[in-house]
Amino acid sequence: MLEQLASGETNVGTLAEPHAMSQPAVSKHLRVLERAGLIRRARQGREHRIRVDPEPLEAASTWIGRYARFWKQEFDAVDTYLKARAKQARSETSSKEREKR
């Protein structure tokens, strides 16, 4: 639904159409998104207009990006360590084989 809303504001019925969900399930989903601050709802007569609020998503993206860089560095360090250990193990195996001869 957030992806649908990325293209612009719409009403609840239009938002619900492509989903195999009951109207109560759609309403519940929208309430969760609204409580999370991801959407805004405005009432125009009997119609509820829904739009995405990108600010919380941008904040989450920034936070995730920070930790993604951290974990990439950590995984790169683990990868370097494991490659060094594998090279050392191969070297030790070769040395032992030469000693046996």
Protein backbone atom coordinates (compact mmCIF):
# COMPACT_ATOMS: atom_id res chain seq x y z
CA MET A 1 0.00 0.00 0.00
CA LEU A 2 2.87 2.36 0.70
CA GLU A 3 4.15 1.69 -2.79
CA GLN A 4 0.73 2.56 -4.21
CA LEU A 5 0.70 5.78 -2.22
CA ALA A 6 4.14 6.75 -3.51
CA SER A 7 2.45 7.73 -6.78
CA GLY A 8 0.05 10.09 -5.00
CA GLU A 9 -2.87 10.56 -2.65
CA THR A 10 -5.89 8.30 -3.10
CA ASN A 11 -9.03 7.16 -1.33
CA VAL A 12 -9.39 4.02 0.77
CA GLY A 13 -11.46 2.14 -1.82
CA THR A 14 -8.95 2.68 -4.62
CA LEU A 15 -6.13 1.73 -2.28
CA ALA A 16 -7.89 -1.50 -1.28
CA GLU A 17 -8.87 -2.65 -4.83
CA PRO A 18 -5.72 -4.58 -5.83
CA HIS A 19 -5.53 -6.46 -2.53
CA ALA A 20 -7.39 -9.63 -1.64
CA MET A 21 -8.37 -8.27 1.77
CA SER A 22 -11.65 -7.50 3.44
CA GLN A 23 -12.55 -3.86 4.09
CA PRO A 24 -12.01 -4.31 7.86
CA ALA A 25 -8.56 -5.80 7.19
CA VAL A 26 -7.66 -2.86 4.93
CA SER A 27 -8.85 -0.41 7.60
CA LYS A 28 -6.81 -2.19 10.26
CA HIS A 29 -3.72 -2.14 8.04
CA LEU A 30 -4.19 1.58 7.41
CA ARG A 31 -4.58 2.28 11.15
CA VAL A 32 -1.27 0.51 11.81
CA LEU A 33 0.45 2.55 9.10
CA GLU A 34 -1.13 5.71 10.45
CA ARG A 35 -0.02 5.00 14.05
CA ALA A 36 3.48 4.37 12.71
CA GLY A 37 3.37 7.83 11.14
CA LEU A 38 3.84 6.45 7.64
CA ILE A 39 0.56 7.75 6.22
CA ARG A 40 -1.73 10.72 6.75
CA ARG A 41 -5.49 10.56 6.48
CA ALA A 42 -7.75 13.51 5.63
CA ARG A 43 -11.50 13.44 5.43
CA GLN A 44 -13.23 15.11 2.49
CA GLY A 45 -16.95 14.72 3.06
CA ARG A 46 -17.60 11.00 3.38
CA GLU A 47 -14.34 10.08 1.69
CA HIS A 48 -11.07 9.40 3.48
CA ARG A 49 -8.04 10.50 1.45
CA ILE A 50 -4.76 8.77 2.24
CA ARG A 51 -1.26 9.97 1.47
CA VAL A 52 2.18 8.72 2.39
CA ASP A 53 4.32 10.70 4.83
CA PRO A 54 7.91 10.18 3.65
CA GLU A 55 9.62 11.77 6.67
CA PRO A 56 9.62 8.66 8.94
CA LEU A 57 10.77 6.50 6.02
CA GLU A 58 13.65 8.89 5.33
CA ALA A 59 14.68 8.79 8.98
CA ALA A 60 14.55 4.98 8.99
CA SER A 61 16.55 4.85 5.77
CA THR A 62 19.25 7.06 7.28
CA TRP A 63 19.42 4.89 10.41
CA ILE A 64 19.54 1.65 8.40
CA GLY A 65 22.21 3.09 6.11
CA ARG A 66 24.42 3.93 9.06
CA TYR A 67 24.24 0.40 10.41
CA ALA A 68 24.54 -1.16 6.95
CA ARG A 69 27.92 0.57 6.52
CA PHE A 70 29.00 -0.61 9.98
CA TRP A 71 28.03 -4.23 9.33
CA LYS A 72 29.61 -4.21 5.87
CA GLN A 73 32.91 -3.19 7.45
CA GLU A 74 32.54 -5.88 10.10
CA PHE A 75 31.73 -8.58 7.53
CA ASP A 76 34.66 -7.43 5.37
CA ALA A 77 36.95 -7.79 8.40
CA VAL A 78 35.61 -11.30 9.11
CA ASP A 79 36.09 -12.22 5.43
CA THR A 80 39.71 -11.00 5.51
CA TYR A 81 40.36 -12.96 8.70
CA LEU A 82 38.84 -16.17 7.32
CA LYS A 83 40.82 -15.92 4.09
CA ALA A 84 44.05 -15.43 6.07
CA ARG A 85 43.22 -18.44 8.27
CA ALA A 86 42.47 -20.60 5.21
CA LYS A 87 45.76 -19.56 3.60
CA GLN A 88 47.60 -20.35 6.83
CA ALA A 89 45.91 -23.76 7.08
CA ARG A 90 46.86 -24.60 3.48
CA SER A 91 50.43 -23.54 4.18
CA GLU A 92 50.59 -25.70 7.31
CA THR A 93 49.15 -28.69 5.44
CA SER A 94 51.72 -28.29 2.67
CA SER A 95 54.54 -28.10 5.25
CA LYS A 96 53.36 -31.29 6.97
CA GLU A 97 53.13 -33.14 3.63
CA ARG A 98 56.69 -32.12 2.77
CA GLU A 99 57.92 -33.33 6.17
CA LYS A 100 56.33 -36.75 5.60
CA ARG A 101 58.32 -37.26 2.39
